[in-house]
N, C-alpha and C. Protein backbone atom coordinates (compact mmCIF):
# COMPACT_ATOMS: atom_id res chain seq x y z
N MET A 1 -108.80 51.46 -64.65
CA MET A 1 -107.70 52.38 -64.72
C MET A 1 -107.99 53.64 -63.89
N TRP A 2 -109.24 53.98 -63.72
CA TRP A 2 -109.62 55.17 -62.96
C TRP A 2 -109.01 55.17 -61.56
N HIS A 3 -109.03 54.02 -60.91
CA HIS A 3 -108.49 53.93 -59.55
C HIS A 3 -107.00 54.28 -59.52
N LEU A 4 -106.26 53.77 -60.47
CA LEU A 4 -104.83 54.07 -60.52
C LEU A 4 -104.58 55.53 -60.89
N GLU A 5 -105.41 56.08 -61.75
CA GLU A 5 -105.23 57.49 -62.11
C GLU A 5 -105.38 58.38 -60.89
N THR A 6 -106.37 58.13 -60.07
CA THR A 6 -106.57 58.97 -58.89
C THR A 6 -105.46 58.78 -57.87
N ALA A 7 -104.76 57.66 -57.93
CA ALA A 7 -103.66 57.41 -57.00
C ALA A 7 -102.33 57.98 -57.50
N THR A 8 -102.19 58.17 -58.82
CA THR A 8 -100.90 58.57 -59.36
C THR A 8 -100.88 59.96 -59.99
N LEU A 9 -102.03 60.50 -60.37
CA LEU A 9 -102.08 61.83 -60.98
C LEU A 9 -102.60 62.84 -59.97
N ASP A 10 -102.15 64.09 -60.09
CA ASP A 10 -102.67 65.10 -59.18
C ASP A 10 -104.12 65.44 -59.54
N ALA A 11 -104.83 66.00 -58.59
CA ALA A 11 -106.27 66.24 -58.74
C ALA A 11 -106.60 67.12 -59.93
N GLU A 12 -105.80 68.15 -60.18
CA GLU A 12 -106.07 69.04 -61.31
C GLU A 12 -105.93 68.32 -62.64
N THR A 13 -104.94 67.45 -62.76
CA THR A 13 -104.76 66.68 -64.00
C THR A 13 -105.93 65.73 -64.21
N VAL A 14 -106.38 65.07 -63.15
CA VAL A 14 -107.53 64.16 -63.26
C VAL A 14 -108.77 64.94 -63.71
N ARG A 15 -108.98 66.10 -63.12
CA ARG A 15 -110.14 66.93 -63.48
C ARG A 15 -110.09 67.33 -64.96
N GLU A 16 -108.93 67.78 -65.42
CA GLU A 16 -108.80 68.18 -66.83
C GLU A 16 -108.89 66.99 -67.76
N LYS A 17 -108.37 65.85 -67.34
CA LYS A 17 -108.45 64.65 -68.16
C LYS A 17 -109.91 64.25 -68.38
N MET A 18 -110.72 64.36 -67.34
CA MET A 18 -112.14 64.04 -67.48
C MET A 18 -112.80 64.97 -68.50
N ARG A 19 -112.46 66.25 -68.46
CA ARG A 19 -113.03 67.22 -69.41
C ARG A 19 -112.57 66.91 -70.83
N ILE A 20 -111.28 66.62 -70.99
CA ILE A 20 -110.72 66.30 -72.31
C ILE A 20 -111.33 65.02 -72.87
N GLU A 21 -111.58 64.03 -72.01
CA GLU A 21 -112.19 62.78 -72.46
C GLU A 21 -113.57 63.03 -73.05
N GLN A 22 -114.33 63.95 -72.48
CA GLN A 22 -115.65 64.27 -73.01
C GLN A 22 -115.55 64.90 -74.40
N ILE A 23 -114.56 65.76 -74.59
CA ILE A 23 -114.34 66.35 -75.91
C ILE A 23 -113.94 65.26 -76.90
N TRP A 24 -113.06 64.35 -76.47
CA TRP A 24 -112.61 63.24 -77.30
C TRP A 24 -113.81 62.42 -77.79
N VAL A 25 -114.71 62.08 -76.86
CA VAL A 25 -115.89 61.28 -77.21
C VAL A 25 -116.78 62.04 -78.19
N ARG A 26 -117.01 63.32 -77.93
CA ARG A 26 -117.85 64.11 -78.83
C ARG A 26 -117.27 64.15 -80.24
N GLU A 27 -115.99 64.38 -80.34
CA GLU A 27 -115.34 64.43 -81.66
C GLU A 27 -115.46 63.09 -82.38
N ALA A 28 -115.24 62.00 -81.66
CA ALA A 28 -115.33 60.67 -82.27
C ALA A 28 -116.76 60.36 -82.71
N LEU A 29 -117.74 60.66 -81.86
CA LEU A 29 -119.14 60.38 -82.19
C LEU A 29 -119.65 61.22 -83.36
N GLU A 30 -119.11 62.42 -83.50
CA GLU A 30 -119.55 63.29 -84.58
C GLU A 30 -118.75 63.08 -85.86
N GLY A 31 -117.97 62.00 -85.90
CA GLY A 31 -117.29 61.60 -87.13
C GLY A 31 -115.98 62.31 -87.40
N ARG A 32 -115.42 62.97 -86.41
CA ARG A 32 -114.15 63.68 -86.62
C ARG A 32 -112.99 62.89 -86.00
N TRP A 33 -112.97 61.58 -86.27
CA TRP A 33 -111.95 60.71 -85.69
C TRP A 33 -110.54 61.16 -86.05
N PHE A 34 -110.36 61.62 -87.28
CA PHE A 34 -109.04 62.04 -87.72
C PHE A 34 -108.85 63.55 -87.62
N GLY A 35 -109.75 64.22 -86.91
CA GLY A 35 -109.66 65.67 -86.75
C GLY A 35 -108.55 66.07 -85.79
N GLU A 36 -108.12 67.32 -85.92
CA GLU A 36 -107.03 67.83 -85.08
C GLU A 36 -107.39 67.85 -83.60
N LEU A 37 -108.62 68.24 -83.28
CA LEU A 37 -109.02 68.33 -81.88
C LEU A 37 -109.03 66.96 -81.21
N ARG A 38 -109.57 65.95 -81.90
CA ARG A 38 -109.59 64.60 -81.32
C ARG A 38 -108.18 64.08 -81.13
N GLN A 39 -107.30 64.36 -82.08
CA GLN A 39 -105.91 63.91 -81.97
C GLN A 39 -105.18 64.64 -80.84
N ALA A 40 -105.47 65.92 -80.65
CA ALA A 40 -104.87 66.68 -79.54
C ALA A 40 -105.34 66.12 -78.20
N CYS A 41 -106.62 65.81 -78.11
CA CYS A 41 -107.16 65.21 -76.89
C CYS A 41 -106.49 63.87 -76.62
N GLN A 42 -106.30 63.08 -77.67
CA GLN A 42 -105.65 61.77 -77.53
C GLN A 42 -104.23 61.93 -77.02
N SER A 43 -103.52 62.94 -77.49
CA SER A 43 -102.15 63.19 -77.04
C SER A 43 -102.12 63.50 -75.55
N PHE A 44 -103.08 64.31 -75.08
CA PHE A 44 -103.14 64.64 -73.66
C PHE A 44 -103.41 63.39 -72.82
N VAL A 45 -104.39 62.60 -73.24
CA VAL A 45 -104.73 61.37 -72.51
C VAL A 45 -103.54 60.41 -72.50
N ASP A 46 -102.85 60.29 -73.63
CA ASP A 46 -101.68 59.40 -73.70
C ASP A 46 -100.57 59.88 -72.77
N SER A 47 -100.35 61.19 -72.70
CA SER A 47 -99.28 61.70 -71.84
C SER A 47 -99.62 61.46 -70.36
N CYS A 48 -100.89 61.49 -70.01
CA CYS A 48 -101.29 61.17 -68.63
C CYS A 48 -101.09 59.69 -68.33
N ALA A 49 -101.39 58.84 -69.30
CA ALA A 49 -101.33 57.40 -69.10
C ALA A 49 -99.91 56.90 -68.85
N VAL A 50 -98.91 57.63 -69.33
CA VAL A 50 -97.52 57.21 -69.14
C VAL A 50 -97.18 57.10 -67.66
N ARG A 51 -97.73 57.98 -66.83
CA ARG A 51 -97.41 58.00 -65.40
C ARG A 51 -98.27 57.05 -64.56
N VAL A 52 -99.27 56.43 -65.16
CA VAL A 52 -100.20 55.58 -64.41
C VAL A 52 -99.71 54.14 -64.47
N THR A 53 -99.18 53.67 -63.33
CA THR A 53 -98.70 52.28 -63.25
C THR A 53 -99.09 51.69 -61.90
N GLY A 54 -99.31 50.41 -61.89
CA GLY A 54 -99.67 49.73 -60.66
C GLY A 54 -100.68 48.63 -60.92
N THR A 55 -101.34 48.21 -59.85
CA THR A 55 -102.35 47.15 -59.98
C THR A 55 -103.60 47.50 -59.19
N VAL A 56 -104.72 47.00 -59.69
CA VAL A 56 -106.00 47.12 -58.99
C VAL A 56 -106.54 45.71 -58.86
N ARG A 57 -106.98 45.35 -57.66
CA ARG A 57 -107.51 44.01 -57.41
C ARG A 57 -109.01 44.13 -57.17
N TRP A 58 -109.80 43.33 -57.89
CA TRP A 58 -111.25 43.33 -57.73
C TRP A 58 -111.75 41.96 -57.28
N ARG A 59 -112.87 41.98 -56.61
CA ARG A 59 -113.59 40.74 -56.31
C ARG A 59 -114.79 40.72 -57.27
N LEU A 60 -114.82 39.71 -58.11
CA LEU A 60 -115.88 39.59 -59.11
C LEU A 60 -116.99 38.70 -58.58
N ARG A 61 -118.19 39.20 -58.69
CA ARG A 61 -119.39 38.45 -58.31
C ARG A 61 -120.40 38.60 -59.43
N PRO A 62 -121.36 37.72 -59.49
CA PRO A 62 -122.36 37.88 -60.54
C PRO A 62 -123.03 39.27 -60.46
N GLY A 63 -122.86 40.04 -61.52
CA GLY A 63 -123.48 41.36 -61.57
C GLY A 63 -122.72 42.48 -60.89
N SER A 64 -121.55 42.21 -60.33
CA SER A 64 -120.81 43.30 -59.67
C SER A 64 -119.32 43.01 -59.63
N ALA A 65 -118.57 44.08 -59.41
CA ALA A 65 -117.12 43.99 -59.21
C ALA A 65 -116.77 44.97 -58.11
N GLU A 66 -116.21 44.46 -57.02
CA GLU A 66 -115.84 45.30 -55.88
C GLU A 66 -114.33 45.50 -55.86
N THR A 67 -113.90 46.75 -55.71
CA THR A 67 -112.48 47.04 -55.61
C THR A 67 -111.97 46.54 -54.26
N GLN A 68 -110.94 45.71 -54.29
CA GLN A 68 -110.37 45.14 -53.08
C GLN A 68 -109.04 45.80 -52.70
N GLY A 69 -108.32 46.30 -53.68
CA GLY A 69 -107.04 46.92 -53.37
C GLY A 69 -106.47 47.68 -54.55
N ILE A 70 -105.77 48.77 -54.25
CA ILE A 70 -105.12 49.59 -55.27
C ILE A 70 -103.67 49.76 -54.83
N VAL A 71 -102.74 49.37 -55.68
CA VAL A 71 -101.32 49.53 -55.38
C VAL A 71 -100.70 50.28 -56.55
N ALA A 72 -100.36 51.55 -56.32
CA ALA A 72 -99.74 52.37 -57.35
C ALA A 72 -98.23 52.24 -57.24
N ALA A 73 -97.56 52.06 -58.38
CA ALA A 73 -96.10 51.95 -58.38
C ALA A 73 -95.45 53.24 -57.89
N SER A 74 -96.02 54.38 -58.25
CA SER A 74 -95.52 55.69 -57.81
C SER A 74 -96.68 56.52 -57.29
N PRO A 75 -97.14 56.24 -56.07
CA PRO A 75 -98.32 56.94 -55.56
C PRO A 75 -98.06 58.44 -55.40
N ARG A 76 -99.07 59.23 -55.68
CA ARG A 76 -98.97 60.68 -55.60
C ARG A 76 -99.18 61.18 -54.18
N TYR A 77 -99.97 60.47 -53.42
CA TYR A 77 -100.36 60.92 -52.09
C TYR A 77 -99.84 59.98 -51.02
N VAL A 78 -99.73 60.48 -49.81
CA VAL A 78 -99.24 59.70 -48.69
C VAL A 78 -100.26 58.62 -48.34
N ARG A 79 -99.79 57.39 -48.27
CA ARG A 79 -100.68 56.29 -47.93
C ARG A 79 -100.69 56.02 -46.44
N SER A 80 -99.55 56.26 -45.77
CA SER A 80 -99.45 56.03 -44.34
C SER A 80 -98.74 57.23 -43.72
N ARG A 81 -99.49 58.08 -43.03
CA ARG A 81 -98.89 59.28 -42.44
C ARG A 81 -97.82 58.91 -41.42
N GLU A 82 -98.07 57.88 -40.64
CA GLU A 82 -97.10 57.47 -39.62
C GLU A 82 -95.78 57.04 -40.26
N ALA A 83 -95.85 56.23 -41.32
CA ALA A 83 -94.63 55.79 -42.01
C ALA A 83 -93.93 56.99 -42.65
N TRP A 84 -94.69 57.92 -43.20
CA TRP A 84 -94.12 59.12 -43.80
C TRP A 84 -93.37 59.96 -42.76
N GLU A 85 -93.97 60.12 -41.58
CA GLU A 85 -93.31 60.89 -40.52
C GLU A 85 -92.01 60.22 -40.07
N ARG A 86 -92.03 58.91 -39.90
CA ARG A 86 -90.81 58.20 -39.51
C ARG A 86 -89.72 58.37 -40.56
N GLU A 87 -90.08 58.23 -41.82
CA GLU A 87 -89.11 58.38 -42.91
C GLU A 87 -88.58 59.81 -42.98
N SER A 88 -89.44 60.79 -42.75
CA SER A 88 -89.01 62.20 -42.77
C SER A 88 -88.01 62.47 -41.67
N ILE A 89 -88.26 61.95 -40.48
CA ILE A 89 -87.35 62.14 -39.35
C ILE A 89 -86.01 61.46 -39.64
N ARG A 90 -86.07 60.26 -40.19
CA ARG A 90 -84.85 59.51 -40.53
C ARG A 90 -84.05 60.26 -41.60
N ALA A 91 -84.74 60.83 -42.59
CA ALA A 91 -84.06 61.55 -43.67
C ALA A 91 -83.41 62.83 -43.17
N ASP A 92 -84.01 63.48 -42.18
CA ASP A 92 -83.45 64.72 -41.63
C ASP A 92 -82.16 64.47 -40.88
N GLY A 93 -82.01 63.30 -40.32
CA GLY A 93 -80.79 62.94 -39.60
C GLY A 93 -80.73 63.54 -38.20
N PRO A 94 -79.66 63.25 -37.48
CA PRO A 94 -79.57 63.68 -36.07
C PRO A 94 -79.40 65.19 -35.91
N SER A 95 -78.94 65.90 -36.93
CA SER A 95 -78.69 67.33 -36.79
C SER A 95 -79.97 68.13 -36.58
N SER A 96 -81.09 67.61 -37.03
CA SER A 96 -82.33 68.37 -36.88
C SER A 96 -83.18 67.88 -35.72
N SER A 97 -82.69 66.89 -34.99
CA SER A 97 -83.48 66.41 -33.86
C SER A 97 -83.43 67.41 -32.72
N TRP A 98 -84.42 67.38 -31.87
CA TRP A 98 -84.48 68.32 -30.74
C TRP A 98 -84.85 67.54 -29.51
N THR A 99 -84.50 68.08 -28.39
CA THR A 99 -84.86 67.47 -27.12
C THR A 99 -85.50 68.53 -26.24
N ALA A 100 -86.39 68.11 -25.42
CA ALA A 100 -87.06 69.04 -24.52
C ALA A 100 -86.51 68.83 -23.12
N ALA A 101 -86.23 69.93 -22.44
CA ALA A 101 -85.75 69.85 -21.06
C ALA A 101 -86.93 69.68 -20.15
N LEU A 102 -86.85 68.71 -19.29
CA LEU A 102 -87.96 68.47 -18.35
C LEU A 102 -87.58 68.89 -16.97
């Protein structure tokens, strides 16, 4: 799931989620499973998970798993700058196009 999180959540959310997960683990290990802090951490993690969708493909070998591909349903970052530029130009329409006099 980590691969999809980094593709669909912004960097600040991922950073805070990692910090919250550590608090969650500490609370659970110290026997406060039903405590308010652990439940609050769980709520934050659950709210992040709602936005994480897609697939991750791995190649499994004895003793290892290699990531082969990550496809996020709603990627946060540009995957292809060239495709993004073409789409941006198309979305702007002919009114924003310019020509240079030679």
